[in-house]
Amino acid sequence: MKQSYVYILKCSDGTYYTGMTSNLEQRFERHTSGYYKGSYTEKRRPVTLEFYAEFTDINLAIQSEKQIKKWSKAKKEALINDEYEKLPNLAKKKFKK
């Protein structure tokens, strides 16, 4: 089975970029070199690879990427730092009174 990867890059401005690929090394090199002209990461280099997860089911990879892209910065950082116990609380919405 072909492997797929969901990854999170930290950009030079402190923001995160989440993506998916079947070739993590090549995709990371392209992000760092500015290969993707006009992309989110091109003007935010250098970037560092902070997290990746490996999938054998492309559909699960796509679903995970979409889910992580919607997460807050704090929730992405909890994932990056292996602080899985924090994820449920970071998912809760805060309502104004």
N, C-alpha and C. Protein backbone atom coordinates (compact mmCIF):
# COMPACT_ATOMS: atom_id res chain seq x y z
N MET A 1 0.83 -1.19 0.00
CA MET A 1 0.00 0.00 0.00
C MET A 1 0.87 1.25 0.00
N LYS A 2 0.40 2.26 -0.67
CA LYS A 2 1.13 3.52 -0.73
C LYS A 2 0.93 4.32 0.55
N GLN A 3 2.00 4.88 1.05
CA GLN A 3 1.94 5.68 2.27
C GLN A 3 1.53 7.11 1.94
N SER A 4 0.79 7.70 2.85
CA SER A 4 0.43 9.12 2.78
C SER A 4 0.82 9.75 4.11
N TYR A 5 1.11 11.03 4.07
CA TYR A 5 1.54 11.75 5.26
C TYR A 5 0.74 13.03 5.41
N VAL A 6 0.34 13.31 6.63
CA VAL A 6 -0.21 14.61 7.00
C VAL A 6 0.87 15.27 7.83
N TYR A 7 1.17 16.53 7.52
CA TYR A 7 2.28 17.18 8.20
C TYR A 7 1.91 18.60 8.61
N ILE A 8 2.64 19.10 9.60
CA ILE A 8 2.49 20.48 10.04
C ILE A 8 3.86 21.13 9.99
N LEU A 9 3.92 22.27 9.30
CA LEU A 9 5.13 23.08 9.23
C LEU A 9 4.95 24.32 10.10
N LYS A 10 6.01 24.73 10.76
CA LYS A 10 5.99 26.01 11.46
C LYS A 10 6.71 27.01 10.58
N CYS A 11 6.05 28.12 10.31
CA CYS A 11 6.60 29.15 9.44
C CYS A 11 7.38 30.18 10.26
N SER A 12 8.19 30.97 9.58
CA SER A 12 9.04 31.96 10.26
C SER A 12 8.24 33.01 11.01
N ASP A 13 6.98 33.22 10.64
CA ASP A 13 6.15 34.21 11.34
C ASP A 13 5.37 33.60 12.51
N GLY A 14 5.65 32.32 12.82
CA GLY A 14 5.00 31.66 13.96
C GLY A 14 3.69 30.97 13.63
N THR A 15 3.24 31.06 12.39
CA THR A 15 2.01 30.39 11.99
C THR A 15 2.32 28.95 11.58
N TYR A 16 1.27 28.16 11.44
CA TYR A 16 1.41 26.76 11.04
C TYR A 16 0.74 26.51 9.70
N TYR A 17 1.34 25.64 8.94
CA TYR A 17 0.78 25.19 7.66
C TYR A 17 0.59 23.69 7.75
N THR A 18 -0.60 23.21 7.41
CA THR A 18 -0.90 21.78 7.42
C THR A 18 -1.10 21.31 5.99
N GLY A 19 -0.50 20.19 5.65
CA GLY A 19 -0.61 19.66 4.30
C GLY A 19 -0.59 18.14 4.29
N MET A 20 -0.70 17.59 3.10
CA MET A 20 -0.71 16.15 2.92
C MET A 20 0.10 15.81 1.68
N THR A 21 0.79 14.68 1.71
CA THR A 21 1.62 14.26 0.58
C THR A 21 1.87 12.76 0.63
N SER A 22 2.34 12.23 -0.49
CA SER A 22 2.78 10.82 -0.51
C SER A 22 4.30 10.74 -0.46
N ASN A 23 4.98 11.90 -0.54
CA ASN A 23 6.44 11.94 -0.48
C ASN A 23 6.85 13.09 0.44
N LEU A 24 7.02 12.79 1.71
CA LEU A 24 7.25 13.82 2.71
C LEU A 24 8.57 14.55 2.49
N GLU A 25 9.63 13.83 2.20
CA GLU A 25 10.94 14.47 1.99
C GLU A 25 10.89 15.46 0.83
N GLN A 26 10.33 15.03 -0.28
CA GLN A 26 10.25 15.90 -1.45
C GLN A 26 9.38 17.12 -1.18
N ARG A 27 8.24 16.91 -0.54
CA ARG A 27 7.33 18.03 -0.27
C ARG A 27 7.99 19.04 0.66
N PHE A 28 8.67 18.55 1.71
CA PHE A 28 9.35 19.47 2.63
C PHE A 28 10.43 20.26 1.91
N GLU A 29 11.21 19.61 1.07
CA GLU A 29 12.26 20.29 0.32
C GLU A 29 11.66 21.37 -0.57
N ARG A 30 10.51 21.08 -1.16
CA ARG A 30 9.86 22.07 -2.03
C ARG A 30 9.35 23.26 -1.23
N HIS A 31 8.84 23.00 -0.04
CA HIS A 31 8.41 24.12 0.82
C HIS A 31 9.62 24.97 1.22
N THR A 32 10.72 24.35 1.58
CA THR A 32 11.88 25.10 2.04
C THR A 32 12.58 25.86 0.92
N SER A 33 12.47 25.37 -0.31
CA SER A 33 13.15 26.02 -1.43
C SER A 33 12.32 27.11 -2.09
N GLY A 34 11.05 27.20 -1.74
CA GLY A 34 10.19 28.19 -2.39
C GLY A 34 9.66 27.73 -3.74
N TYR A 35 9.66 26.41 -3.94
CA TYR A 35 9.21 25.81 -5.20
C TYR A 35 7.78 26.23 -5.55
N TYR A 36 6.92 26.31 -4.54
CA TYR A 36 5.51 26.64 -4.76
C TYR A 36 5.35 28.17 -4.76
N LYS A 37 5.52 28.80 -5.90
CA LYS A 37 5.45 30.25 -6.03
C LYS A 37 4.06 30.76 -5.65
N GLY A 38 4.04 31.77 -4.82
CA GLY A 38 2.78 32.37 -4.39
C GLY A 38 2.06 31.59 -3.30
N SER A 39 2.66 30.52 -2.80
CA SER A 39 2.01 29.70 -1.78
C SER A 39 2.12 30.35 -0.40
N TYR A 40 1.37 29.81 0.53
CA TYR A 40 1.38 30.32 1.90
C TYR A 40 2.78 30.28 2.49
N THR A 41 3.51 29.22 2.23
CA THR A 41 4.83 29.05 2.86
C THR A 41 5.94 29.80 2.14
N GLU A 42 5.76 30.16 0.89
CA GLU A 42 6.86 30.79 0.14
C GLU A 42 7.38 32.06 0.83
N LYS A 43 6.48 32.91 1.27
CA LYS A 43 6.89 34.17 1.89
C LYS A 43 7.08 34.04 3.40
N ARG A 44 6.93 32.85 3.93
CA ARG A 44 7.06 32.63 5.37
C ARG A 44 8.23 31.69 5.69
N ARG A 45 9.18 31.61 4.78
CA ARG A 45 10.35 30.77 4.99
C ARG A 45 11.33 31.49 5.90
N PRO A 46 12.14 30.74 6.63
CA PRO A 46 12.26 29.29 6.60
C PRO A 46 11.11 28.62 7.35
N VAL A 47 10.85 27.38 6.97
CA VAL A 47 9.85 26.56 7.64
C VAL A 47 10.54 25.37 8.27
N THR A 48 9.92 24.86 9.34
CA THR A 48 10.44 23.65 9.99
C THR A 48 9.33 22.62 10.07
N LEU A 49 9.69 21.38 9.91
CA LEU A 49 8.73 20.28 10.03
C LEU A 49 8.53 20.00 11.51
N GLU A 50 7.33 20.23 12.01
CA GLU A 50 7.05 20.08 13.43
C GLU A 50 6.35 18.77 13.77
N PHE A 51 5.59 18.24 12.80
CA PHE A 51 4.78 17.03 13.07
C PHE A 51 4.46 16.35 11.77
N TYR A 52 4.39 15.03 11.81
CA TYR A 52 3.82 14.29 10.70
C TYR A 52 3.22 12.99 11.21
N ALA A 53 2.22 12.52 10.50
CA ALA A 53 1.58 11.23 10.78
C ALA A 53 1.51 10.46 9.47
N GLU A 54 1.72 9.17 9.56
CA GLU A 54 1.75 8.30 8.39
C GLU A 54 0.44 7.52 8.29
N PHE A 55 -0.07 7.41 7.07
CA PHE A 55 -1.34 6.72 6.82
C PHE A 55 -1.18 5.74 5.67
N THR A 56 -1.86 4.61 5.76
CA THR A 56 -1.92 3.67 4.64
C THR A 56 -3.22 3.82 3.87
N ASP A 57 -4.18 4.55 4.45
CA ASP A 57 -5.47 4.80 3.80
C ASP A 57 -5.54 6.28 3.43
N ILE A 58 -5.51 6.58 2.16
CA ILE A 58 -5.51 7.96 1.67
C ILE A 58 -6.73 8.73 2.16
N ASN A 59 -7.86 8.05 2.29
CA ASN A 59 -9.08 8.72 2.75
C ASN A 59 -8.95 9.20 4.19
N LEU A 60 -8.30 8.41 5.04
CA LEU A 60 -8.07 8.83 6.42
C LEU A 60 -7.09 10.01 6.48
N ALA A 61 -6.10 10.00 5.60
CA ALA A 61 -5.15 11.10 5.54
C ALA A 61 -5.86 12.39 5.14
N ILE A 62 -6.70 12.33 4.13
CA ILE A 62 -7.44 13.50 3.68
C ILE A 62 -8.34 14.03 4.79
N GLN A 63 -9.03 13.12 5.46
CA GLN A 63 -9.93 13.50 6.56
C GLN A 63 -9.14 14.16 7.70
N SER A 64 -7.99 13.58 8.04
CA SER A 64 -7.17 14.14 9.12
C SER A 64 -6.63 15.52 8.77
N GLU A 65 -6.17 15.68 7.53
CA GLU A 65 -5.66 16.98 7.11
C GLU A 65 -6.74 18.04 7.23
N LYS A 66 -7.93 17.75 6.73
CA LYS A 66 -9.04 18.71 6.79
C LYS A 66 -9.38 19.06 8.23
N GLN A 67 -9.36 18.06 9.11
CA GLN A 67 -9.68 18.28 10.52
C GLN A 67 -8.63 19.18 11.19
N ILE A 68 -7.37 18.86 10.99
CA ILE A 68 -6.29 19.63 11.63
C ILE A 68 -6.26 21.06 11.12
N LYS A 69 -6.54 21.27 9.84
CA LYS A 69 -6.54 22.62 9.28
C LYS A 69 -7.54 23.54 9.99
N LYS A 70 -8.60 22.98 10.54
CA LYS A 70 -9.62 23.76 11.23
C LYS A 70 -9.25 24.05 12.69
N TRP A 71 -8.23 23.40 13.20
CA TRP A 71 -7.85 23.53 14.61
C TRP A 71 -7.21 24.88 14.90
N SER A 72 -7.32 25.28 16.15
CA SER A 72 -6.66 26.49 16.63
C SER A 72 -5.15 26.26 16.71
N LYS A 73 -4.42 27.33 16.83
CA LYS A 73 -2.96 27.24 16.99
C LYS A 73 -2.62 26.45 18.25
N ALA A 74 -3.35 26.71 19.33
CA ALA A 74 -3.10 26.02 20.61
C ALA A 74 -3.32 24.51 20.48
N LYS A 75 -4.34 24.12 19.75
CA LYS A 75 -4.62 22.70 19.58
C LYS A 75 -3.55 22.04 18.71
N LYS A 76 -3.10 22.73 17.66
CA LYS A 76 -2.01 22.19 16.83
C LYS A 76 -0.74 22.03 17.66
N GLU A 77 -0.45 22.99 18.53
CA GLU A 77 0.74 22.91 19.36
C GLU A 77 0.65 21.76 20.37
N ALA A 78 -0.54 21.49 20.88
CA ALA A 78 -0.71 20.34 21.77
C ALA A 78 -0.42 19.04 21.02
N LEU A 79 -0.88 18.93 19.79
CA LEU A 79 -0.60 17.75 18.96
C LEU A 79 0.90 17.64 18.71
N ILE A 80 1.53 18.72 18.32
CA ILE A 80 2.97 18.74 18.05
C ILE A 80 3.77 18.31 19.27
N ASN A 81 3.34 18.75 20.46
CA ASN A 81 4.06 18.47 21.70
C ASN A 81 3.63 17.19 22.40
N ASP A 82 2.87 16.34 21.70
CA ASP A 82 2.39 15.06 22.26
C ASP A 82 1.57 15.25 23.54
N GLU A 83 0.85 16.35 23.63
CA GLU A 83 0.01 16.64 24.79
C GLU A 83 -1.45 16.30 24.45
N TYR A 84 -1.65 15.03 24.17
CA TYR A 84 -2.95 14.56 23.67
C TYR A 84 -4.08 14.79 24.66
N GLU A 85 -3.75 14.77 25.96
CA GLU A 85 -4.78 14.96 26.98
C GLU A 85 -5.39 16.36 26.91
N LYS A 86 -4.69 17.32 26.32
CA LYS A 86 -5.20 18.69 26.20
C LYS A 86 -6.17 18.86 25.03
N LEU A 87 -6.15 17.96 24.07
CA LEU A 87 -6.94 18.14 22.85
C LEU A 87 -8.43 18.29 23.09
N PRO A 88 -9.06 17.46 23.95
CA PRO A 88 -10.52 17.63 24.15
C PRO A 88 -10.89 19.01 24.70
N ASN A 89 -10.13 19.52 25.66
CA ASN A 89 -10.45 20.84 26.24
C ASN A 89 -10.22 21.97 25.25
N LEU A 90 -9.22 21.82 24.40
CA LEU A 90 -8.93 22.85 23.40
C LEU A 90 -9.97 22.87 22.28
N ALA A 91 -10.76 21.82 22.20
CA ALA A 91 -11.79 21.74 21.18
C ALA A 91 -13.08 22.45 21.60
N LYS A 92 -13.20 22.73 22.88
CA LYS A 92 -14.43 23.35 23.38
C LYS A 92 -14.49 24.81 22.99
N LYS A 93 -15.66 25.24 22.59
CA LYS A 93 -15.88 26.62 22.18
C LYS A 93 -16.09 27.47 23.43
N LYS A 94 -15.63 28.70 23.34
CA LYS A 94 -15.85 29.66 24.43
C LYS A 94 -16.92 30.62 23.96
N PHE A 95 -17.96 30.74 24.76
CA PHE A 95 -19.08 31.59 24.42
C PHE A 95 -19.06 32.86 25.27
N LYS A 96 -19.37 34.00 24.64
CA LYS A 96 -19.43 35.26 25.37
C LYS A 96 -20.74 35.33 26.13
N LYS A 97 -20.68 35.93 27.31
CA LYS A 97 -21.89 36.07 28.13
C LYS A 97 -22.60 37.35 27.82
